[in-house]
Amino acid sequence: MNNTKNTNKYIILMIIAMLFWGVAWTAGKVAEEHSNAQVAAFWRYAISFISIIPVIWYMKTPLITDRTGLIYMVIAGVLTSLFNYLFFAGLSHGNAGYGGTMVTSLAPIITYILSISFLGTKVSSRQLGALIIGIFGALILLRVPLEGFAFLNVDSAYFLGCAVVWALVTVVSQKAAARAHLMFYTLVVFGITTFINMLFALPHHPFDFGAYDAVFWWTILFIGVIPGTFSTALYFVSAGKVGAHRTGVFMFIVPVGAIVSSWVVYGEALALSTLIGCLLAFAAVILFNMKKSNVQED
């Protein structure tokens, strides 16, 4: 009974973390509109880096890794800085709800493809079927049946880039997981991301605090602390309790936060193709992870 209650508690915490990650897409669009992609990208992770330090201290996280782990952290930091820029650049051109849905839905599918292609991950016939469903869902999300390859325009190309880069970050994270505590890994990645994004933000005077209004500062503070540090900590703590094989499914709560918040703030409508594509991708992740769970239990 107690174990069930504890599991339910962490499931609720995971849902909260995912909803905040979704809201970050809309908040990111607001922040970009009151600054620019370079400055917003820098301050987002600078604030997350600073605010995660007390969490690391409170959790008594071991700050150790080996040389290989450090290499993975550097690679992840470089990739995350690229994702961070694409995130804000995409929001300057496209809708927050569509971006949050598209990236969250496509990234797991791309991750599976990369794992199979480059990490030698073996798949069963059920997992292969799930992957085909996911790819079909991705094509619908990209509106290929209706618009062909029109998704390669500036409105969607940034979000597609986000999905590919985040899939690469996920693969690197999987490799680094055995070599460092995930919170320490996150701290280092946040730090590297902050430094790289700062280099690109310097020409735009990110430390000229008076150049940006209160809306920007309050919004970027929210993104850095709540979806950044708070939700990341909730995600890692809850993932350890809920089970790694189930965490992928929770990622599909992110679009809910993105869609609802973008509707409230910008009045963005949810396209039918986006809903169908997201549901198919969601089904694919469930099927893929169900089989993986069964294999581990056998």
Protein backbone atom coordinates (compact mmCIF):
# COMPACT_ATOMS: atom_id res chain seq x y z
CA MET A 1 0.00 0.00 0.00
CA ASN A 2 2.76 2.43 0.98
CA ASN A 3 4.74 1.56 -2.14
CA THR A 4 1.68 2.31 -4.28
CA LYS A 5 1.16 5.66 -2.52
CA ASN A 6 4.82 6.57 -2.99
CA THR A 7 4.69 5.61 -6.66
CA ASN A 8 1.54 7.69 -7.17
CA LYS A 9 3.24 10.65 -5.49
CA TYR A 10 6.17 10.50 -7.89
CA ILE A 11 3.83 10.05 -10.85
CA ILE A 12 2.10 13.30 -9.85
CA LEU A 13 5.47 15.04 -9.49
CA MET A 14 6.49 13.77 -12.93
CA ILE A 15 3.27 15.13 -14.44
CA ILE A 16 3.91 18.54 -12.84
CA ALA A 17 7.47 18.57 -14.22
CA MET A 18 6.24 17.73 -17.72
CA LEU A 19 3.53 20.41 -17.65
CA PHE A 20 6.08 23.05 -16.67
CA TRP A 21 8.35 21.91 -19.52
CA GLY A 22 5.38 22.45 -21.82
CA VAL A 23 4.66 25.93 -20.47
CA ALA A 24 8.35 26.76 -21.08
CA TRP A 25 7.64 26.79 -24.83
CA THR A 26 5.11 29.59 -24.51
CA ALA A 27 7.19 31.45 -21.92
CA GLY A 28 10.19 31.10 -24.25
CA LYS A 29 8.29 32.78 -27.06
CA VAL A 30 7.39 35.67 -24.73
CA ALA A 31 11.03 36.04 -23.63
CA GLU A 32 12.29 35.99 -27.22
CA GLU A 33 9.79 38.66 -28.26
CA HIS A 34 11.17 40.95 -25.54
CA SER A 35 14.84 40.32 -26.38
CA ASN A 36 16.39 38.07 -29.06
CA ALA A 37 17.26 34.39 -29.47
CA GLN A 38 20.90 34.81 -28.42
CA VAL A 39 20.26 36.71 -25.18
CA ALA A 40 17.26 34.58 -24.19
CA ALA A 41 19.25 31.39 -24.84
CA PHE A 42 22.12 32.59 -22.64
CA TRP A 43 20.06 33.73 -19.67
CA ARG A 44 17.81 30.66 -19.70
CA TYR A 45 20.69 28.31 -18.87
CA ALA A 46 22.69 30.83 -16.85
CA ILE A 47 19.79 31.06 -14.41
CA SER A 48 19.31 27.27 -14.44
CA PHE A 49 23.02 26.74 -13.77
CA ILE A 50 23.04 29.13 -10.81
CA SER A 51 19.80 27.82 -9.31
CA ILE A 52 20.71 24.14 -9.61
CA ILE A 53 23.81 24.54 -7.41
CA PRO A 54 21.80 24.66 -4.12
CA VAL A 55 19.84 21.60 -5.31
CA ILE A 56 23.10 19.72 -5.91
CA TRP A 57 24.29 20.72 -2.43
CA TYR A 58 21.00 19.77 -0.75
CA MET A 59 20.88 16.37 -2.48
CA LYS A 60 24.55 15.75 -1.55
CA THR A 61 25.18 14.75 -5.15
CA PRO A 62 28.59 13.10 -5.70
CA LEU A 63 30.65 15.30 -8.02
CA ILE A 64 32.70 12.56 -9.65
CA THR A 65 33.14 11.12 -13.11
CA ASP A 66 35.90 9.73 -15.31
CA ARG A 67 37.52 11.06 -18.47
CA THR A 68 35.01 9.37 -20.75
CA GLY A 69 32.15 10.76 -18.69
CA LEU A 70 33.63 14.25 -18.97
CA ILE A 71 33.84 13.88 -22.75
CA TYR A 72 30.15 12.92 -22.84
CA MET A 73 29.33 15.98 -20.72
CA VAL A 74 31.20 18.30 -23.08
CA ILE A 75 29.47 16.81 -26.13
CA ALA A 76 26.08 17.10 -24.39
CA GLY A 77 26.84 20.70 -23.42
CA VAL A 78 27.70 21.67 -27.00
CA LEU A 79 24.57 19.95 -28.32
CA THR A 80 22.36 21.51 -25.62
CA SER A 81 23.66 24.98 -26.46
CA LEU A 82 22.68 24.34 -30.09
CA PHE A 83 19.26 23.07 -29.01
CA ASN A 84 18.84 26.12 -26.80
CA TYR A 85 19.46 28.50 -29.70
CA LEU A 86 17.22 26.55 -32.08
CA PHE A 87 14.50 26.59 -29.38
CA PHE A 88 14.35 30.39 -29.23
CA ALA A 89 15.03 30.91 -32.94
CA GLY A 90 12.19 28.54 -33.78
CA LEU A 91 9.84 30.35 -31.40
CA SER A 92 10.65 33.65 -33.13
CA HIS A 93 9.18 32.19 -36.34
CA GLY A 94 6.69 29.51 -35.30
CA ASN A 95 3.93 28.75 -32.78
CA ALA A 96 4.83 27.64 -29.25
CA GLY A 97 2.14 24.93 -29.10
CA TYR A 98 3.18 23.39 -32.40
CA GLY A 99 6.88 23.59 -31.50
CA GLY A 100 6.41 21.93 -28.12
CA THR A 101 4.28 19.18 -29.62
CA MET A 102 6.48 18.56 -32.64
CA VAL A 103 9.80 18.41 -30.76
CA THR A 104 8.48 16.29 -27.90
CA SER A 105 6.82 13.83 -30.27
CA LEU A 106 9.64 13.51 -32.79
CA ALA A 107 12.59 13.37 -30.39
CA PRO A 108 11.80 9.91 -28.90
CA ILE A 109 11.24 8.43 -32.37
CA ILE A 110 14.53 9.86 -33.65
CA THR A 111 16.25 8.62 -30.47
CA TYR A 112 15.07 5.06 -31.14
CA ILE A 113 16.30 5.25 -34.74
CA LEU A 114 19.71 6.55 -33.63
CA SER A 115 19.98 3.88 -30.93
CA ILE A 116 19.20 1.13 -33.41
CA SER A 117 21.47 2.53 -36.13
CA PHE A 118 24.54 3.56 -34.13
CA LEU A 119 24.34 1.86 -30.72
CA GLY A 120 23.36 -1.55 -32.02
CA THR A 121 20.16 -1.65 -29.99
CA LYS A 122 18.25 -4.83 -30.84
CA VAL A 123 14.53 -4.53 -31.51
CA SER A 124 11.72 -7.06 -31.54
CA SER A 125 9.00 -7.26 -34.16
CA ARG A 126 6.66 -5.39 -31.81
CA GLN A 127 9.20 -2.60 -31.32
CA LEU A 128 9.75 -2.42 -35.07
CA GLY A 129 6.00 -2.05 -35.54
CA ALA A 130 5.95 0.68 -32.88
CA LEU A 131 8.74 2.48 -34.71
CA ILE A 132 6.80 2.36 -37.99
CA ILE A 133 3.76 3.83 -36.22
CA GLY A 134 5.98 6.52 -34.74
CA ILE A 135 7.49 7.41 -38.10
CA PHE A 136 3.99 7.61 -39.61
CA GLY A 137 2.98 9.90 -36.73
CA ALA A 138 6.05 12.04 -37.37
CA LEU A 139 5.13 12.42 -41.04
CA ILE A 140 1.64 13.57 -40.04
CA LEU A 141 3.10 15.97 -37.46
CA LEU A 142 5.27 17.43 -40.22
CA ARG A 143 2.12 17.62 -42.40
CA VAL A 144 3.82 15.68 -45.20
CA PRO A 145 0.56 14.00 -46.44
CA LEU A 146 -1.04 17.44 -46.87
CA GLU A 147 1.86 19.75 -47.69
CA GLY A 148 4.66 17.48 -48.93
CA PHE A 149 8.06 18.76 -47.82
CA ALA A 150 6.77 22.21 -46.98
CA PHE A 151 7.93 21.57 -43.40
CA LEU A 152 11.43 22.46 -44.57
CA ASN A 153 10.48 26.13 -44.31
CA VAL A 154 11.84 28.49 -41.67
CA ASP A 155 8.75 28.08 -39.44
CA SER A 156 9.28 24.34 -38.89
CA ALA A 157 12.94 23.72 -39.76
CA TYR A 158 14.16 25.07 -36.40
CA PHE A 159 11.79 22.77 -34.51
CA LEU A 160 12.86 19.78 -36.61
CA GLY A 161 16.46 20.70 -35.77
CA CYS A 162 15.50 20.84 -32.07
CA ALA A 163 14.09 17.31 -32.24
CA VAL A 164 17.19 15.89 -33.94
CA VAL A 165 19.61 17.64 -31.56
CA TRP A 166 17.62 16.62 -28.48
CA ALA A 167 17.62 13.01 -29.67
CA LEU A 168 21.42 13.20 -29.88
CA VAL A 169 21.54 14.69 -26.36
CA THR A 170 19.38 11.81 -25.13
CA VAL A 171 21.70 9.20 -26.64
CA VAL A 172 24.75 10.89 -25.10
CA SER A 173 22.95 11.07 -21.75
CA GLN A 174 22.28 7.34 -21.88
CA LYS A 175 25.99 6.71 -22.41
CA ALA A 176 26.96 9.08 -19.56
CA ALA A 177 24.42 7.73 -17.05
CA ALA A 178 26.73 4.97 -15.83
CA ARG A 179 29.67 7.34 -15.38
CA ALA A 180 28.21 10.19 -13.30
CA HIS A 181 25.22 11.05 -11.16
CA LEU A 182 22.58 12.55 -13.45
CA MET A 183 22.29 15.72 -11.34
CA PHE A 184 26.06 16.28 -11.55
CA TYR A 185 25.86 15.57 -15.26
CA THR A 186 23.10 18.17 -15.53
CA LEU A 187 25.13 20.75 -13.59
CA VAL A 188 28.12 20.39 -15.91
CA VAL A 189 25.97 20.41 -19.05
CA PHE A 190 24.16 23.54 -17.83
CA GLY A 191 27.52 25.21 -17.19
CA ILE A 192 28.96 24.36 -20.61
CA THR A 193 25.73 25.40 -22.32
CA THR A 194 25.74 28.73 -20.46
CA PHE A 195 29.33 29.48 -21.48
CA ILE A 196 28.83 28.65 -25.17
CA ASN A 197 25.57 30.59 -25.42
CA MET A 198 27.22 33.53 -23.65
CA LEU A 199 29.86 33.75 -26.40
CA PHE A 200 27.13 34.18 -29.02
CA ALA A 201 25.12 36.56 -26.83
CA LEU A 202 27.99 38.98 -26.06
CA PRO A 203 27.53 41.03 -29.28
CA HIS A 204 23.95 41.66 -28.12
CA HIS A 205 25.03 42.98 -24.69
CA PRO A 206 23.30 40.45 -22.43
CA PHE A 207 24.62 42.15 -19.28
CA ASP A 208 23.04 45.49 -20.16
CA PHE A 209 20.19 44.83 -17.75
CA GLY A 210 18.39 48.06 -18.55
CA ALA A 211 18.14 47.15 -22.24
CA TYR A 212 15.49 44.51 -21.53
CA ASP A 213 12.13 45.11 -19.87
CA ALA A 214 10.57 43.52 -16.78
CA VAL A 215 8.52 41.10 -18.89
CA PHE A 216 11.72 39.56 -20.24
CA TRP A 217 13.43 39.27 -16.86
CA TRP A 218 10.45 37.79 -15.03
CA THR A 219 9.76 35.36 -17.89
CA ILE A 220 13.36 34.22 -18.29
CA LEU A 221 13.65 33.86 -14.50
CA PHE A 222 10.58 31.61 -14.55
CA ILE A 223 11.97 29.49 -17.40
CA GLY A 224 15.37 29.12 -15.77
CA VAL A 225 14.17 28.25 -12.26
CA ILE A 226 10.85 26.41 -12.68
CA PRO A 227 10.97 24.43 -15.98
CA GLY A 228 14.78 24.50 -15.83
CA THR A 229 16.01 23.58 -12.35
CA PHE A 230 12.81 22.64 -10.48
CA SER A 231 11.29 20.41 -13.18
CA THR A 232 14.65 18.85 -14.06
CA ALA A 233 15.19 17.87 -10.42
CA LEU A 234 11.63 16.53 -10.17
CA TYR A 235 12.15 14.56 -13.38
CA PHE A 236 15.35 12.85 -12.25
CA VAL A 237 14.08 12.09 -8.73
CA SER A 238 10.72 10.80 -9.97
CA ALA A 239 12.25 8.83 -12.86
CA GLY A 240 14.27 6.82 -10.37
CA LYS A 241 11.10 5.93 -8.46
CA VAL A 242 8.68 5.44 -11.36
CA GLY A 243 11.09 3.41 -13.49
CA ALA A 244 13.27 4.35 -16.43
CA HIS A 245 11.17 2.33 -18.90
CA ARG A 246 8.09 4.46 -18.08
CA THR A 247 9.63 7.93 -18.24
CA GLY A 248 9.40 8.16 -22.05
CA VAL A 249 5.61 8.01 -21.87
CA PHE A 250 5.48 11.00 -19.51
CA MET A 251 7.20 13.17 -22.13
CA PHE A 252 3.90 13.25 -23.99
CA ILE A 253 2.41 15.37 -21.22
CA VAL A 254 4.70 18.20 -22.37
CA PRO A 255 2.50 19.05 -25.40
CA VAL A 256 -0.48 19.51 -23.07
CA GLY A 257 1.33 22.29 -21.20
CA ALA A 258 2.59 23.80 -24.46
CA ILE A 259 -0.78 23.68 -26.25
CA VAL A 260 -2.87 24.98 -23.34
CA SER A 261 -0.47 27.79 -22.41
CA SER A 262 0.00 28.89 -26.03
CA TRP A 263 -3.79 28.93 -26.45
CA VAL A 264 -4.21 31.08 -23.31
CA VAL A 265 -1.39 33.53 -24.16
CA TYR A 266 -1.46 33.65 -27.96
CA GLY A 267 -4.80 32.12 -28.91
CA GLU A 268 -3.01 29.43 -30.95
CA ALA A 269 -5.40 26.78 -32.30
CA LEU A 270 -4.52 23.07 -32.25
CA ALA A 271 -4.39 21.64 -35.78
CA LEU A 272 -5.97 18.21 -36.30
CA SER A 273 -2.76 16.94 -37.94
CA THR A 274 -0.79 17.94 -34.83
CA LEU A 275 -3.20 16.07 -32.55
CA ILE A 276 -3.25 12.89 -34.70
CA GLY A 277 0.53 12.88 -35.15
CA CYS A 278 1.11 13.39 -31.43
CA LEU A 279 -1.27 10.55 -30.50
CA LEU A 280 0.40 8.15 -32.96
CA ALA A 281 3.84 9.03 -31.61
CA PHE A 282 2.50 8.58 -28.07
CA ALA A 283 1.19 5.12 -28.98
CA ALA A 284 4.56 4.24 -30.52
CA VAL A 285 6.46 5.14 -27.35
CA ILE A 286 4.05 3.11 -25.20
CA LEU A 287 4.40 0.04 -27.45
CA PHE A 288 8.18 0.37 -27.65
CA ASN A 289 8.62 0.69 -23.87
CA MET A 290 6.04 -1.97 -22.99
CA LYS A 291 8.08 -4.57 -24.83
CA LYS A 292 11.31 -3.29 -23.34
CA SER A 293 9.81 -3.58 -19.86
CA ASN A 294 8.65 -7.14 -20.51
CA VAL A 295 12.11 -8.14 -21.72
CA GLN A 296 13.67 -6.78 -18.54
CA GLU A 297 11.18 -8.60 -16.38
CA ASP A 298 11.61 -11.99 -18.11
